[in-house]
Amino acid sequence: MATRRLRAVLFDFDHTLTDFGHHVRWSDARSAVRAVYEAAGIPASFLDTHAGSLSLYISVAEQHPIEGGPLVEAQRRAAAILDEFEREAVATTEALPGALALVEALSRLGLRSAIVTSNAAPVARAILDRLGLAAPFEVVLGRSEVQRLKPAPEGLLAACAALEVTPGEAAYVGDSESDMRAAVAGGVLAWGVATGLGTPSALRDAGAEAVFATLTEVLARLTELHAMTARGA
């Protein structure tokens, strides 16, 4: 496990700090997004290979099954649909165990922080505000703030730049293989947390330098690193 000095911690949002995804009607969202893509001329053979609404949106952004203006307009409309479905979950989403203690400790540990998510940034901010988790997060980057979503590292690198830290001075805490791949690609310390989509073995295979069972374990590791830095270790 790496002992480099950390100046910032970046976090995924859904299944990492909150249970947001359990409160979104993803199946209905996918049907609506698929209809937009079909109308834009994206082949059914492409659409049928992507089961989730977010994964479909990300794949269209990455693979460009159509080009030019129709693609841009389809993505704009798809993002608006996803935003609408995600807003429904603002009132019901809850923090995962250990999230509040972890977030409250960040400033005390001298760490800057940001959220990098494939969800809508305004929705993430609203939920963080409602749950009392928003204060330490200087930056919240969602799908509309980047051209290439995770597993591309664009969002992580943009967050590091905004926080004025190098990627090597940051860790990214996430629950999915995509999160870990984005961290590795960006040169950010990849920390997996087994609170959501990825199993510990899958997170390690995707490049996680450490995998934690809970957010409480993440806080313990950050506290340990802070103590080591204070001792000059």
C-alpha atoms as a PDB file:
ATOM      1  CA  MET A   1       0.000   0.000   0.000  1.00  0.00           C
ATOM      2  CA  ALA A   2       1.395   3.352  -1.022  1.00  0.00           C
ATOM      3  CA  THR A   3       2.666   5.774   1.624  1.00  0.00           C
ATOM      4  CA  ARG A   4       2.975   8.840  -0.585  1.00  0.00           C
ATOM      5  CA  ARG A   5       1.938  12.135   0.966  1.00  0.00           C
ATOM      6  CA  LEU A   6      -1.655  12.974   0.180  1.00  0.00           C
ATOM      7  CA  ARG A   7      -2.937  16.516  -0.186  1.00  0.00           C
ATOM      8  CA  ALA A   8      -6.368  15.718  -1.605  1.00  0.00           C
ATOM      9  CA  VAL A   9      -8.957  12.966  -1.732  1.00  0.00           C
ATOM     10  CA  LEU A  10     -11.410  12.683  -4.602  1.00  0.00           C
ATOM     11  CA  PHE A  11     -14.601  10.667  -4.231  1.00  0.00           C
ATOM     12  CA  ASP A  12     -17.082   8.947  -6.444  1.00  0.00           C
ATOM     13  CA  PHE A  13     -20.664   9.686  -5.362  1.00  0.00           C
ATOM     14  CA  ASP A  14     -23.105   6.842  -5.965  1.00  0.00           C
ATOM     15  CA  HIS A  15     -22.461   3.629  -3.980  1.00  0.00           C
ATOM     16  CA  THR A  16     -19.354   5.282  -2.514  1.00  0.00           C
ATOM     17  CA  LEU A  17     -20.712   8.019  -0.240  1.00  0.00           C
ATOM     18  CA  THR A  18     -24.457   7.472  -0.770  1.00  0.00           C
ATOM     19  CA  ASP A  19     -27.013   4.865  -1.804  1.00  0.00           C
ATOM     20  CA  PHE A  20     -28.265   7.160  -4.580  1.00  0.00           C
ATOM     21  CA  GLY A  21     -28.490   4.507  -7.288  1.00  0.00           C
ATOM     22  CA  HIS A  22     -31.061   2.489  -5.347  1.00  0.00           C
ATOM     23  CA  HIS A  23     -33.524   5.381  -5.607  1.00  0.00           C
ATOM     24  CA  VAL A  24     -33.334   6.081  -9.359  1.00  0.00           C
ATOM     25  CA  ARG A  25     -35.709   4.452 -11.861  1.00  0.00           C
ATOM     26  CA  TRP A  26     -32.846   3.365 -14.092  1.00  0.00           C
ATOM     27  CA  SER A  27     -34.924   0.983 -16.221  1.00  0.00           C
ATOM     28  CA  ASP A  28     -37.377   3.704 -17.128  1.00  0.00           C
ATOM     29  CA  ALA A  29     -34.507   6.105 -17.727  1.00  0.00           C
ATOM     30  CA  ARG A  30     -32.874   3.639 -20.091  1.00  0.00           C
ATOM     31  CA  SER A  31     -36.065   3.258 -22.111  1.00  0.00           C
ATOM     32  CA  ALA A  32     -36.335   7.021 -22.505  1.00  0.00           C
ATOM     33  CA  VAL A  33     -32.661   7.430 -23.392  1.00  0.00           C
ATOM     34  CA  ARG A  34     -32.812   4.559 -25.853  1.00  0.00           C
ATOM     35  CA  ALA A  35     -35.744   6.215 -27.635  1.00  0.00           C
ATOM     36  CA  VAL A  36     -33.654   9.373 -28.100  1.00  0.00           C
ATOM     37  CA  TYR A  37     -30.769   7.368 -29.512  1.00  0.00           C
ATOM     38  CA  GLU A  38     -32.991   5.368 -31.851  1.00  0.00           C
ATOM     39  CA  ALA A  39     -34.526   8.592 -33.178  1.00  0.00           C
ATOM     40  CA  ALA A  40     -31.015   9.925 -33.796  1.00  0.00           C
ATOM     41  CA  GLY A  41     -30.144   6.902 -35.926  1.00  0.00           C
ATOM     42  CA  ILE A  42     -27.987   4.850 -33.572  1.00  0.00           C
ATOM     43  CA  PRO A  43     -28.333   1.191 -34.619  1.00  0.00           C
ATOM     44  CA  ALA A  44     -30.275  -1.207 -32.411  1.00  0.00           C
ATOM     45  CA  SER A  45     -27.309  -3.595 -32.585  1.00  0.00           C
ATOM     46  CA  PHE A  46     -25.265  -1.016 -30.658  1.00  0.00           C
ATOM     47  CA  LEU A  47     -28.007  -0.123 -28.196  1.00  0.00           C
ATOM     48  CA  ASP A  48     -28.761  -3.751 -27.359  1.00  0.00           C
ATOM     49  CA  THR A  49     -25.233  -4.392 -26.102  1.00  0.00           C
ATOM     50  CA  HIS A  50     -25.504  -1.876 -23.223  1.00  0.00           C
ATOM     51  CA  ALA A  51     -27.830  -2.854 -20.401  1.00  0.00           C
ATOM     52  CA  GLY A  52     -27.707   0.240 -18.190  1.00  0.00           C
ATOM     53  CA  SER A  53     -28.794   3.802 -18.863  1.00  0.00           C
ATOM     54  CA  LEU A  54     -25.555   5.405 -17.665  1.00  0.00           C
ATOM     55  CA  SER A  55     -23.392   2.754 -19.313  1.00  0.00           C
ATOM     56  CA  LEU A  56     -25.257   3.352 -22.549  1.00  0.00           C
ATOM     57  CA  TYR A  57     -24.749   7.110 -22.303  1.00  0.00           C
ATOM     58  CA  ILE A  58     -21.032   6.657 -21.583  1.00  0.00           C
ATOM     59  CA  SER A  59     -20.595   4.175 -24.439  1.00  0.00           C
ATOM     60  CA  VAL A  60     -22.228   6.546 -26.923  1.00  0.00           C
ATOM     61  CA  ALA A  61     -19.907   9.316 -25.738  1.00  0.00           C
ATOM     62  CA  GLU A  62     -16.837   7.079 -26.096  1.00  0.00           C
ATOM     63  CA  GLN A  63     -17.587   5.168 -29.277  1.00  0.00           C
ATOM     64  CA  HIS A  64     -19.471   7.730 -31.406  1.00  0.00           C
ATOM     65  CA  PRO A  65     -21.851   5.310 -33.172  1.00  0.00           C
ATOM     66  CA  ILE A  66     -23.056   8.364 -35.129  1.00  0.00           C
ATOM     67  CA  GLU A  67     -21.153  11.574 -35.841  1.00  0.00           C
ATOM     68  CA  GLY A  68     -21.460  15.339 -35.807  1.00  0.00           C
ATOM     69  CA  GLY A  69     -24.475  17.378 -34.839  1.00  0.00           C
ATOM     70  CA  PRO A  70     -26.887  14.449 -34.396  1.00  0.00           C
ATOM     71  CA  LEU A  71     -24.564  12.903 -31.815  1.00  0.00           C
ATOM     72  CA  VAL A  72     -24.187  16.166 -29.893  1.00  0.00           C
ATOM     73  CA  GLU A  73     -27.944  16.752 -29.852  1.00  0.00           C
ATOM     74  CA  ALA A  74     -28.697  13.156 -28.855  1.00  0.00           C
ATOM     75  CA  GLN A  75     -26.258  13.372 -25.939  1.00  0.00           C
ATOM     76  CA  ARG A  76     -27.727  16.690 -24.841  1.00  0.00           C
ATOM     77  CA  ARG A  77     -31.218  15.226 -24.802  1.00  0.00           C
ATOM     78  CA  ALA A  78     -30.065  12.001 -23.132  1.00  0.00           C
ATOM     79  CA  ALA A  79     -28.284  13.945 -20.400  1.00  0.00           C
ATOM     80  CA  ALA A  80     -31.423  15.999 -19.754  1.00  0.00           C
ATOM     81  CA  ILE A  81     -33.461  12.800 -19.396  1.00  0.00           C
ATOM     82  CA  LEU A  82     -30.959  11.289 -16.984  1.00  0.00           C
ATOM     83  CA  ASP A  83     -30.937  14.535 -14.994  1.00  0.00           C
ATOM     84  CA  GLU A  84     -34.729  14.387 -14.677  1.00  0.00           C
ATOM     85  CA  PHE A  85     -34.772  10.823 -13.399  1.00  0.00           C
ATOM     86  CA  GLU A  86     -31.876  11.466 -11.027  1.00  0.00           C
ATOM     87  CA  ARG A  87     -33.595  14.510  -9.496  1.00  0.00           C
ATOM     88  CA  GLU A  88     -36.369  12.213  -8.304  1.00  0.00           C
ATOM     89  CA  ALA A  89     -33.893  10.625  -5.886  1.00  0.00           C
ATOM     90  CA  VAL A  90     -32.777  13.816  -4.124  1.00  0.00           C
ATOM     91  CA  ALA A  91     -35.287  13.475  -1.284  1.00  0.00           C
ATOM     92  CA  THR A  92     -34.771   9.778  -0.570  1.00  0.00           C
ATOM     93  CA  THR A  93     -31.024   9.155  -0.960  1.00  0.00           C
ATOM     94  CA  GLU A  94     -29.134   8.393   2.261  1.00  0.00           C
ATOM     95  CA  ALA A  95     -25.483   8.504   3.255  1.00  0.00           C
ATOM     96  CA  LEU A  96     -23.651   5.210   3.501  1.00  0.00           C
ATOM     97  CA  PRO A  97     -22.377   4.107   6.918  1.00  0.00           C
ATOM     98  CA  GLY A  98     -19.256   6.024   7.893  1.00  0.00           C
ATOM     99  CA  ALA A  99     -19.687   8.732   5.240  1.00  0.00           C
ATOM    100  CA  LEU A 100     -20.430  11.590   7.627  1.00  0.00           C
ATOM    101  CA  ALA A 101     -17.493  10.840   9.924  1.00  0.00           C
ATOM    102  CA  LEU A 102     -15.150  10.495   6.955  1.00  0.00           C
ATOM    103  CA  VAL A 103     -16.271  13.721   5.303  1.00  0.00           C
ATOM    104  CA  GLU A 104     -16.146  15.675   8.572  1.00  0.00           C
ATOM    105  CA  ALA A 105     -12.553  14.522   9.155  1.00  0.00           C
ATOM    106  CA  LEU A 106     -11.140  15.703   5.830  1.00  0.00           C
ATOM    107  CA  SER A 107     -10.426  19.298   6.853  1.00  0.00           C
ATOM    108  CA  ARG A 108      -9.027  18.187  10.211  1.00  0.00           C
ATOM    109  CA  LEU A 109      -6.632  15.913   8.345  1.00  0.00           C
ATOM    110  CA  GLY A 110      -5.528  18.796   6.113  1.00  0.00           C
ATOM    111  CA  LEU A 111      -7.016  17.273   2.964  1.00  0.00           C
ATOM    112  CA  ARG A 112      -8.721  19.093   0.109  1.00  0.00           C
ATOM    113  CA  SER A 113     -11.539  17.203  -1.542  1.00  0.00           C
ATOM    114  CA  ALA A 114     -13.745  16.908  -4.608  1.00  0.00           C
ATOM    115  CA  ILE A 115     -16.477  14.736  -6.077  1.00  0.00           C
ATOM    116  CA  VAL A 116     -16.000  13.185  -9.528  1.00  0.00           C
ATOM    117  CA  THR A 117     -19.139  11.362 -10.634  1.00  0.00           C
ATOM    118  CA  SER A 118     -20.930  10.185 -13.746  1.00  0.00           C
ATOM    119  CA  ASN A 119     -24.168  11.478 -12.238  1.00  0.00           C
ATOM    120  CA  ALA A 120     -25.446  15.035 -12.614  1.00  0.00           C
ATOM    121  CA  ALA A 121     -23.404  17.489 -10.569  1.00  0.00           C
ATOM    122  CA  PRO A 122     -26.413  19.615  -9.452  1.00  0.00           C
ATOM    123  CA  VAL A 123     -28.143  16.464  -8.197  1.00  0.00           C
ATOM    124  CA  ALA A 124     -25.040  15.353  -6.295  1.00  0.00           C
ATOM    125  CA  ARG A 125     -24.681  18.818  -4.742  1.00  0.00           C
ATOM    126  CA  ALA A 126     -28.323  18.877  -3.675  1.00  0.00           C
ATOM    127  CA  ILE A 127     -28.015  15.498  -1.984  1.00  0.00           C
ATOM    128  CA  LEU A 128     -24.734  16.363  -0.298  1.00  0.00           C
ATOM    129  CA  ASP A 129     -26.331  19.555   1.024  1.00  0.00           C
ATOM    130  CA  ARG A 130     -29.391  17.720   2.307  1.00  0.00           C
ATOM    131  CA  LEU A 131     -27.272  15.084   4.070  1.00  0.00           C
ATOM    132  CA  GLY A 132     -24.849  17.559   5.622  1.00  0.00           C
ATOM    133  CA  LEU A 133     -21.936  16.245   3.566  1.00  0.00           C
ATOM    134  CA  ALA A 134     -21.282  19.190   1.265  1.00  0.00           C
ATOM    135  CA  ALA A 135     -18.981  21.462   3.281  1.00  0.00           C
ATOM    136  CA  PRO A 136     -15.517  20.069   2.463  1.00  0.00           C
ATOM    137  CA  PHE A 137     -16.069  19.498  -1.249  1.00  0.00           C
ATOM    138  CA  GLU A 138     -14.547  22.388  -3.173  1.00  0.00           C
ATOM    139  CA  VAL A 139     -15.332  20.861  -6.563  1.00  0.00           C
ATOM    140  CA  VAL A 140     -18.182  18.659  -7.822  1.00  0.00           C
ATOM    141  CA  LEU A 141     -17.731  17.386 -11.386  1.00  0.00           C
ATOM    142  CA  GLY A 142     -20.480  15.405 -13.095  1.00  0.00           C
ATOM    143  CA  ARG A 143     -21.141  14.048 -16.552  1.00  0.00           C
ATOM    144  CA  SER A 144     -21.868  17.432 -18.115  1.00  0.00           C
ATOM    145  CA  GLU A 145     -18.559  18.924 -16.950  1.00  0.00           C
ATOM    146  CA  VAL A 146     -16.331  16.562 -18.952  1.00  0.00           C
ATOM    147  CA  GLN A 147     -16.106  15.299 -22.508  1.00  0.00           C
ATOM    148  CA  ARG A 148     -14.986  11.781 -21.556  1.00  0.00           C
ATOM    149  CA  LEU A 149     -16.443  10.071 -18.513  1.00  0.00           C
ATOM    150  CA  LYS A 150     -14.832   7.378 -16.407  1.00  0.00           C
ATOM    151  CA  PRO A 151     -12.919   5.157 -17.071  1.00  0.00           C
ATOM    152  CA  ALA A 152     -11.238   8.090 -18.818  1.00  0.00           C
ATOM    153  CA  PRO A 153      -9.317  10.175 -16.261  1.00  0.00           C
ATOM    154  CA  GLU A 154     -10.500  13.579 -17.521  1.00  0.00           C
ATOM    155  CA  GLY A 155     -12.697  14.345 -14.496  1.00  0.00           C
ATOM    156  CA  LEU A 156     -10.047  13.311 -11.991  1.00  0.00           C
ATOM    157  CA  LEU A 157      -7.375  15.405 -13.681  1.00  0.00           C
ATOM    158  CA  ALA A 158      -9.715  18.402 -13.841  1.00  0.00           C
ATOM    159  CA  ALA A 159     -10.476  18.046 -10.136  1.00  0.00           C
ATOM    160  CA  CYS A 160      -6.771  17.876  -9.271  1.00  0.00           C
ATOM    161  CA  ALA A 161      -6.124  21.015 -11.311  1.00  0.00           C
ATOM    162  CA  ALA A 162      -8.977  22.840  -9.596  1.00  0.00           C
ATOM    163  CA  LEU A 163      -7.637  21.815  -6.175  1.00  0.00           C
ATOM    164  CA  GLU A 164      -4.089  22.806  -7.212  1.00  0.00           C
ATOM    165  CA  VAL A 165      -2.606  19.403  -6.466  1.00  0.00           C
ATOM    166  CA  THR A 166      -0.769  17.002  -8.727  1.00  0.00           C
ATOM    167  CA  PRO A 167      -2.385  13.626  -9.482  1.00  0.00           C
ATOM    168  CA  GLY A 168       0.365  11.983  -7.465  1.00  0.00           C
ATOM    169  CA  GLU A 169      -0.779  13.926  -4.405  1.00  0.00           C
ATOM    170  CA  ALA A 170      -4.383  12.701  -4.640  1.00  0.00           C
ATOM    171  CA  ALA A 171      -6.345   9.530  -3.998  1.00  0.00           C
ATOM    172  CA  TYR A 172      -9.624   8.581  -5.631  1.00  0.00           C
ATOM    173  CA  VAL A 173     -12.107   6.571  -3.575  1.00  0.00           C
ATOM    174  CA  GLY A 174     -14.656   4.645  -5.640  1.00  0.00           C
ATOM    175  CA  ASP A 175     -16.702   1.477  -5.688  1.00  0.00           C
ATOM    176  CA  SER A 176     -16.405   0.374  -9.320  1.00  0.00           C
ATOM    177  CA  GLU A 177     -13.849  -1.017 -11.710  1.00  0.00           C
ATOM    178  CA  SER A 178     -14.396   2.063 -13.865  1.00  0.00           C
ATOM    179  CA  ASP A 179     -13.381   4.257 -10.929  1.00  0.00           C
ATOM    180  CA  MET A 180     -10.176   2.316 -10.429  1.00  0.00           C
ATOM    181  CA  ARG A 181      -9.276   2.393 -14.113  1.00  0.00           C
ATOM    182  CA  ALA A 182      -9.813   6.145 -14.228  1.00  0.00           C
ATOM    183  CA  ALA A 183      -7.532   6.624 -11.230  1.00  0.00           C
ATOM    184  CA  VAL A 184      -4.790   4.440 -12.685  1.00  0.00           C
ATOM    185  CA  ALA A 185      -5.014   6.196 -16.056  1.00  0.00           C
ATOM    186  CA  GLY A 186      -4.705   9.583 -14.370  1.00  0.00           C
ATOM    187  CA  GLY A 187      -1.846   8.690 -12.034  1.00  0.00           C
ATOM    188  CA  VAL A 188      -4.074   9.096  -8.985  1.00  0.00           C
ATOM    189  CA  LEU A 189      -3.881   6.672  -6.061  1.00  0.00           C
ATOM    190  CA  ALA A 190      -6.694   4.165  -6.649  1.00  0.00           C
ATOM    191  CA  TRP A 191      -8.596   3.211  -3.504  1.00  0.00           C
ATOM    192  CA  GLY A 192     -11.489   0.814  -3.883  1.00  0.00           C
ATOM    193  CA  VAL A 193     -14.283   0.599  -1.347  1.00  0.00           C
ATOM    194  CA  ALA A 194     -16.489  -2.490  -1.371  1.00  0.00           C
ATOM    195  CA  THR A 195     -19.724  -0.629  -0.722  1.00  0.00           C
ATOM    196  CA  GLY A 196     -21.257  -0.863  -4.164  1.00  0.00           C
ATOM    197  CA  LEU A 197     -20.726  -2.336  -7.598  1.00  0.00           C
ATOM    198  CA  GLY A 198     -17.261  -3.864  -7.482  1.00  0.00           C
ATOM    199  CA  THR A 199     -16.105  -6.903  -5.558  1.00  0.00           C
ATOM    200  CA  PRO A 200     -12.733  -6.637  -3.808  1.00  0.00           C
ATOM    201  CA  SER A 201     -11.102  -8.924  -6.370  1.00  0.00           C
ATOM    202  CA  ALA A 202     -12.584  -7.002  -9.302  1.00  0.00           C
ATOM    203  CA  LEU A 203     -11.418  -3.697  -7.826  1.00  0.00           C
ATOM    204  CA  ARG A 204      -7.899  -5.064  -7.387  1.00  0.00           C
ATOM    205  CA  ASP A 205      -7.882  -6.443 -10.923  1.00  0.00           C
ATOM    206  CA  ALA A 206      -8.876  -2.978 -12.168  1.00  0.00           C
ATOM    207  CA  GLY A 207      -5.830  -1.449 -10.465  1.00  0.00           C
ATOM    208  CA  ALA A 208      -6.847  -0.610  -6.911  1.00  0.00           C
ATOM    209  CA  GLU A 209      -3.776  -0.136  -4.736  1.00  0.00           C
ATOM    210  CA  ALA A 210      -5.931  -0.761  -1.676  1.00  0.00           C
ATOM    211  CA  VAL A 211      -9.448  -2.059  -1.118  1.00  0.00           C
ATOM    212  CA  PHE A 212     -11.445  -1.171   1.983  1.00  0.00           C
ATOM    213  CA  ALA A 213     -14.551  -2.938   3.248  1.00  0.00           C
ATOM    214  CA  THR A 214     -16.080   0.240   4.681  1.00  0.00           C
ATOM    215  CA  LEU A 215     -15.695   4.007   4.694  1.00  0.00           C
ATOM    216  CA  THR A 216     -14.634   3.710   8.318  1.00  0.00           C
ATOM    217  CA  GLU A 217     -11.574   1.801   7.113  1.00  0.00           C
ATOM    218  CA  VAL A 218     -10.832   4.569   4.610  1.00  0.00           C
ATOM    219  CA  LEU A 219     -10.912   7.117   7.434  1.00  0.00           C
ATOM    220  CA  ALA A 220      -8.582   4.958   9.512  1.00  0.00           C
ATOM    221  CA  ARG A 221      -6.085   4.810   6.646  1.00  0.00           C
ATOM    222  CA  LEU A 222      -6.231   8.570   6.070  1.00  0.00           C
ATOM    223  CA  THR A 223      -5.713   9.149   9.786  1.00  0.00           C
ATOM    224  CA  GLU A 224      -2.720   6.806   9.744  1.00  0.00           C
ATOM    225  CA  LEU A 225      -1.173   8.612   6.763  1.00  0.00           C
ATOM    226  CA  HIS A 226      -1.747  11.973   8.447  1.00  0.00           C
ATOM    227  CA  ALA A 227       0.049  10.751  11.572  1.00  0.00           C
ATOM    228  CA  MET A 228       2.954   9.439   9.510  1.00  0.00           C
ATOM    229  CA  THR A 229       3.287  12.783   7.738  1.00  0.00           C
ATOM    230  CA  ALA A 230       3.249  14.617  11.061  1.00  0.00           C
ATOM    231  CA  ARG A 231       6.080  12.386  12.282  1.00  0.00           C
ATOM    232  CA  GLY A 232       8.016  12.978   9.078  1.00  0.00           C
ATOM    233  CA  ALA A 233       7.853   9.294   8.190  1.00  0.00           C
END
